[in-house]
Amino acid sequence: MANIPCDEIMTKEVAACGPEYNVRAVARLMLEQHVGSLPIVDSERRLIGVVTDRDLVVRVIVPGLDPDSTPISTVMSKELVTCLPEDDLGEATSRMMEHQIRRLYIVDQHGHVAGVIAQADVASRSGDRNKTAQLVERVSQPGVPEPVPNGMTP
């Protein structure tokens, strides 16, 4: 991937929600937007968390939490992996592989969401089949199960 900045590959129109949304509202928004991940942002659209459809299963459904009374802030991932718009796509792909994530949020220097790069974006827009194959292989490797509320493990 020869010096392609993230902002040339990323999807710029990104749906987001605030930390006060309940789980059901977030799931509904994900369904309406046809996405498997949503950034959670503060009132100034700074990234403060991320939630995936897998998070909803592992952190809400399995432990039996009420989706109507559970705020998304209690189940969102807070350890964020991001890149800047001017970062090289190679760096973004390396971070995705290292952290085994399929979507990488792009934030500006103030932490505001600028876009997202999905594994599919790398595959369809980068032109580097080897890097794409490496990304798919690395992200698809089984990882250590994450702990979930109430001491349950998936």
C-alpha atoms as a PDB file:
ATOM      1  CA  MET A   1       0.000   0.000   0.000  1.00  0.00           C
ATOM      2  CA  ALA A   2       2.022   2.837  -1.337  1.00  0.00           C
ATOM      3  CA  ASN A   3       1.384   6.036   0.614  1.00  0.00           C
ATOM      4  CA  ILE A   4      -2.392   6.162   0.438  1.00  0.00           C
ATOM      5  CA  PRO A   5      -3.729   8.469   3.172  1.00  0.00           C
ATOM      6  CA  CYS A   6      -6.628   7.146   5.230  1.00  0.00           C
ATOM      7  CA  ASP A   7      -8.894   9.997   4.131  1.00  0.00           C
ATOM      8  CA  GLU A   8      -8.777   8.693   0.540  1.00  0.00           C
ATOM      9  CA  ILE A   9     -10.092   5.274   1.568  1.00  0.00           C
ATOM     10  CA  MET A  10     -12.338   5.989   4.548  1.00  0.00           C
ATOM     11  CA  THR A  11     -16.089   6.308   4.519  1.00  0.00           C
ATOM     12  CA  LYS A  12     -16.730   9.898   5.598  1.00  0.00           C
ATOM     13  CA  GLU A  13     -20.426   9.758   6.464  1.00  0.00           C
ATOM     14  CA  VAL A  14     -20.490   7.876   9.767  1.00  0.00           C
ATOM     15  CA  ALA A  15     -23.589   7.391  11.898  1.00  0.00           C
ATOM     16  CA  ALA A  16     -22.903   7.803  15.616  1.00  0.00           C
ATOM     17  CA  CYS A  17     -24.745   8.033  18.903  1.00  0.00           C
ATOM     18  CA  GLY A  18     -24.238   9.446  22.378  1.00  0.00           C
ATOM     19  CA  PRO A  19     -23.399   7.500  25.535  1.00  0.00           C
ATOM     20  CA  GLU A  20     -26.893   8.069  26.921  1.00  0.00           C
ATOM     21  CA  TYR A  21     -28.570   5.941  24.210  1.00  0.00           C
ATOM     22  CA  ASN A  22     -29.907   2.646  25.489  1.00  0.00           C
ATOM     23  CA  VAL A  23     -28.841  -0.651  23.938  1.00  0.00           C
ATOM     24  CA  ARG A  24     -32.089  -1.150  22.020  1.00  0.00           C
ATOM     25  CA  ALA A  25     -31.839   2.307  20.404  1.00  0.00           C
ATOM     26  CA  VAL A  26     -28.248   1.598  19.356  1.00  0.00           C
ATOM     27  CA  ALA A  27     -29.186  -1.802  17.923  1.00  0.00           C
ATOM     28  CA  ARG A  28     -32.034  -0.165  15.996  1.00  0.00           C
ATOM     29  CA  LEU A  29     -29.680   2.509  14.623  1.00  0.00           C
ATOM     30  CA  MET A  30     -27.185  -0.162  13.570  1.00  0.00           C
ATOM     31  CA  LEU A  31     -29.980  -2.014  11.749  1.00  0.00           C
ATOM     32  CA  GLU A  32     -31.242   1.156  10.026  1.00  0.00           C
ATOM     33  CA  GLN A  33     -27.733   2.174   8.950  1.00  0.00           C
ATOM     34  CA  HIS A  34     -26.751  -1.377   7.906  1.00  0.00           C
ATOM     35  CA  VAL A  35     -23.596  -1.294  10.052  1.00  0.00           C
ATOM     36  CA  GLY A  36     -21.989  -3.714  12.483  1.00  0.00           C
ATOM     37  CA  SER A  37     -20.272  -1.019  14.530  1.00  0.00           C
ATOM     38  CA  LEU A  38     -21.121   2.437  15.831  1.00  0.00           C
ATOM     39  CA  PRO A  39     -18.899   5.091  17.320  1.00  0.00           C
ATOM     40  CA  ILE A  40     -20.084   6.535  20.606  1.00  0.00           C
ATOM     41  CA  VAL A  41     -19.408  10.263  20.701  1.00  0.00           C
ATOM     42  CA  ASP A  42     -19.737  13.136  23.141  1.00  0.00           C
ATOM     43  CA  SER A  43     -21.755  16.291  22.434  1.00  0.00           C
ATOM     44  CA  GLU A  44     -18.923  17.652  20.259  1.00  0.00           C
ATOM     45  CA  ARG A  45     -18.664  14.394  18.249  1.00  0.00           C
ATOM     46  CA  ARG A  46     -15.388  13.346  19.911  1.00  0.00           C
ATOM     47  CA  LEU A  47     -14.949   9.578  19.938  1.00  0.00           C
ATOM     48  CA  ILE A  48     -15.379   8.150  23.449  1.00  0.00           C
ATOM     49  CA  GLY A  49     -16.266   4.530  22.684  1.00  0.00           C
ATOM     50  CA  VAL A  50     -17.240   1.956  20.091  1.00  0.00           C
ATOM     51  CA  VAL A  51     -19.905  -0.731  20.105  1.00  0.00           C
ATOM     52  CA  THR A  52     -20.193  -3.662  17.718  1.00  0.00           C
ATOM     53  CA  ASP A  53     -22.973  -6.116  17.059  1.00  0.00           C
ATOM     54  CA  ARG A  54     -20.769  -8.724  18.765  1.00  0.00           C
ATOM     55  CA  ASP A  55     -20.531  -6.483  21.854  1.00  0.00           C
ATOM     56  CA  LEU A  56     -24.325  -6.456  22.041  1.00  0.00           C
ATOM     57  CA  VAL A  57     -24.447 -10.242  22.011  1.00  0.00           C
ATOM     58  CA  VAL A  58     -21.551 -10.868  24.402  1.00  0.00           C
ATOM     59  CA  ARG A  59     -22.090  -7.991  26.820  1.00  0.00           C
ATOM     60  CA  VAL A  60     -25.884  -7.630  26.808  1.00  0.00           C
ATOM     61  CA  ILE A  61     -27.738 -10.714  25.592  1.00  0.00           C
ATOM     62  CA  VAL A  62     -25.550 -13.406  27.163  1.00  0.00           C
ATOM     63  CA  PRO A  63     -25.543 -11.873  30.661  1.00  0.00           C
ATOM     64  CA  GLY A  64     -29.265 -11.077  30.331  1.00  0.00           C
ATOM     65  CA  LEU A  65     -29.159  -7.284  30.614  1.00  0.00           C
ATOM     66  CA  ASP A  66     -32.292  -5.292  29.772  1.00  0.00           C
ATOM     67  CA  PRO A  67     -31.690  -3.528  26.435  1.00  0.00           C
ATOM     68  CA  ASP A  68     -34.217  -0.811  27.304  1.00  0.00           C
ATOM     69  CA  SER A  69     -32.618   0.203  30.592  1.00  0.00           C
ATOM     70  CA  THR A  70     -28.946  -0.440  29.841  1.00  0.00           C
ATOM     71  CA  PRO A  71     -27.102   2.648  28.595  1.00  0.00           C
ATOM     72  CA  ILE A  72     -24.667   1.897  25.796  1.00  0.00           C
ATOM     73  CA  SER A  73     -21.911   3.566  27.848  1.00  0.00           C
ATOM     74  CA  THR A  74     -21.894   0.533  30.167  1.00  0.00           C
ATOM     75  CA  VAL A  75     -21.155  -1.962  27.388  1.00  0.00           C
ATOM     76  CA  MET A  76     -19.157   0.044  24.835  1.00  0.00           C
ATOM     77  CA  SER A  77     -15.450  -0.570  24.272  1.00  0.00           C
ATOM     78  CA  LYS A  78     -13.400   2.270  25.712  1.00  0.00           C
ATOM     79  CA  GLU A  79      -9.961   1.104  24.619  1.00  0.00           C
ATOM     80  CA  LEU A  80      -9.937   2.743  21.225  1.00  0.00           C
ATOM     81  CA  VAL A  81      -7.668   2.151  18.270  1.00  0.00           C
ATOM     82  CA  THR A  82      -7.728   4.997  15.751  1.00  0.00           C
ATOM     83  CA  CYS A  83      -5.768   6.731  13.029  1.00  0.00           C
ATOM     84  CA  LEU A  84      -5.641  10.284  11.710  1.00  0.00           C
ATOM     85  CA  PRO A  85      -6.938  11.158   8.223  1.00  0.00           C
ATOM     86  CA  GLU A  86      -3.409  11.862   6.991  1.00  0.00           C
ATOM     87  CA  ASP A  87      -1.993   8.574   8.334  1.00  0.00           C
ATOM     88  CA  ASP A  88      -0.911   6.055   5.731  1.00  0.00           C
ATOM     89  CA  LEU A  89      -3.295   3.198   4.965  1.00  0.00           C
ATOM     90  CA  GLY A  90      -0.446   0.780   5.705  1.00  0.00           C
ATOM     91  CA  GLU A  91      -0.363   2.075   9.285  1.00  0.00           C
ATOM     92  CA  ALA A  92      -4.138   1.749   9.554  1.00  0.00           C
ATOM     93  CA  THR A  93      -4.043  -1.816   8.254  1.00  0.00           C
ATOM     94  CA  SER A  94      -1.227  -2.705  10.656  1.00  0.00           C
ATOM     95  CA  ARG A  95      -3.299  -1.413  13.590  1.00  0.00           C
ATOM     96  CA  MET A  96      -6.319  -3.389  12.417  1.00  0.00           C
ATOM     97  CA  MET A  97      -4.231  -6.569  12.258  1.00  0.00           C
ATOM     98  CA  GLU A  98      -2.468  -5.962  15.570  1.00  0.00           C
ATOM     99  CA  HIS A  99      -5.725  -5.366  17.436  1.00  0.00           C
ATOM    100  CA  GLN A 100      -7.820  -7.816  15.369  1.00  0.00           C
ATOM    101  CA  ILE A 101     -10.458  -5.261  14.437  1.00  0.00           C
ATOM    102  CA  ARG A 102     -12.508  -5.137  11.250  1.00  0.00           C
ATOM    103  CA  ARG A 103     -13.280  -1.407  11.447  1.00  0.00           C
ATOM    104  CA  LEU A 104     -10.930   1.432  12.341  1.00  0.00           C
ATOM    105  CA  TYR A 105     -12.296   4.861  13.194  1.00  0.00           C
ATOM    106  CA  ILE A 106     -10.455   7.851  11.814  1.00  0.00           C
ATOM    107  CA  VAL A 107     -10.370  10.896  14.080  1.00  0.00           C
ATOM    108  CA  ASP A 108      -8.989  14.384  13.609  1.00  0.00           C
ATOM    109  CA  GLN A 109      -6.319  15.891  15.875  1.00  0.00           C
ATOM    110  CA  HIS A 110      -9.051  16.840  18.393  1.00  0.00           C
ATOM    111  CA  GLY A 111     -10.574  13.355  18.539  1.00  0.00           C
ATOM    112  CA  HIS A 112     -13.645  14.129  16.398  1.00  0.00           C
ATOM    113  CA  VAL A 113     -14.867  11.277  14.198  1.00  0.00           C
ATOM    114  CA  ALA A 114     -13.844  11.952  10.601  1.00  0.00           C
ATOM    115  CA  GLY A 115     -14.548   8.561   9.061  1.00  0.00           C
ATOM    116  CA  VAL A 116     -14.168   4.804   9.261  1.00  0.00           C
ATOM    117  CA  ILE A 117     -12.122   2.256   7.362  1.00  0.00           C
ATOM    118  CA  ALA A 118     -13.591  -1.231   7.213  1.00  0.00           C
ATOM    119  CA  GLN A 119     -11.852  -4.400   6.211  1.00  0.00           C
ATOM    120  CA  ALA A 120     -13.981  -4.329   3.041  1.00  0.00           C
ATOM    121  CA  ASP A 121     -12.648  -0.843   2.189  1.00  0.00           C
ATOM    122  CA  VAL A 122      -9.093  -2.154   2.302  1.00  0.00           C
ATOM    123  CA  ALA A 123     -10.085  -5.081   0.096  1.00  0.00           C
ATOM    124  CA  SER A 124     -11.941  -3.024  -2.499  1.00  0.00           C
ATOM    125  CA  ARG A 125      -9.930   0.205  -2.611  1.00  0.00           C
ATOM    126  CA  SER A 126      -6.313  -0.440  -1.680  1.00  0.00           C
ATOM    127  CA  GLY A 127      -5.239  -2.475  -4.694  1.00  0.00           C
ATOM    128  CA  ASP A 128      -2.900  -4.558  -2.500  1.00  0.00           C
ATOM    129  CA  ARG A 129      -4.128  -8.160  -2.531  1.00  0.00           C
ATOM    130  CA  ASN A 130      -1.336  -9.430  -0.282  1.00  0.00           C
ATOM    131  CA  LYS A 131      -2.039  -6.883   2.450  1.00  0.00           C
ATOM    132  CA  THR A 132      -5.758  -7.551   2.147  1.00  0.00           C
ATOM    133  CA  ALA A 133      -5.185 -11.293   2.549  1.00  0.00           C
ATOM    134  CA  GLN A 134      -2.963 -10.672   5.574  1.00  0.00           C
ATOM    135  CA  LEU A 135      -5.616  -8.424   7.131  1.00  0.00           C
ATOM    136  CA  VAL A 136      -8.428 -10.930   6.623  1.00  0.00           C
ATOM    137  CA  GLU A 137      -6.301 -13.780   7.987  1.00  0.00           C
ATOM    138  CA  ARG A 138      -5.080 -11.887  11.052  1.00  0.00           C
ATOM    139  CA  VAL A 139      -8.425 -10.343  11.994  1.00  0.00           C
ATOM    140  CA  SER A 140     -10.154 -13.714  11.607  1.00  0.00           C
ATOM    141  CA  GLN A 141      -7.850 -15.580  14.003  1.00  0.00           C
ATOM    142  CA  PRO A 142      -9.530 -16.604  17.220  1.00  0.00           C
ATOM    143  CA  GLY A 143      -8.629 -14.382  20.133  1.00  0.00           C
ATOM    144  CA  VAL A 144      -8.925 -14.687  23.858  1.00  0.00           C
ATOM    145  CA  PRO A 145     -12.566 -14.337  24.959  1.00  0.00           C
ATOM    146  CA  GLU A 146     -13.338 -11.003  26.544  1.00  0.00           C
ATOM    147  CA  PRO A 147     -14.753 -10.958  30.072  1.00  0.00           C
ATOM    148  CA  VAL A 148     -18.364  -9.899  30.274  1.00  0.00           C
ATOM    149  CA  PRO A 149     -20.458  -8.486  33.125  1.00  0.00           C
ATOM    150  CA  ASN A 150     -21.480 -10.899  35.906  1.00  0.00           C
ATOM    151  CA  GLY A 151     -18.263 -12.904  35.492  1.00  0.00           C
ATOM    152  CA  MET A 152     -19.515 -14.870  32.493  1.00  0.00           C
ATOM    153  CA  THR A 153     -17.244 -15.659  29.586  1.00  0.00           C
ATOM    154  CA  PRO A 154     -18.423 -16.376  26.069  1.00  0.00           C
END
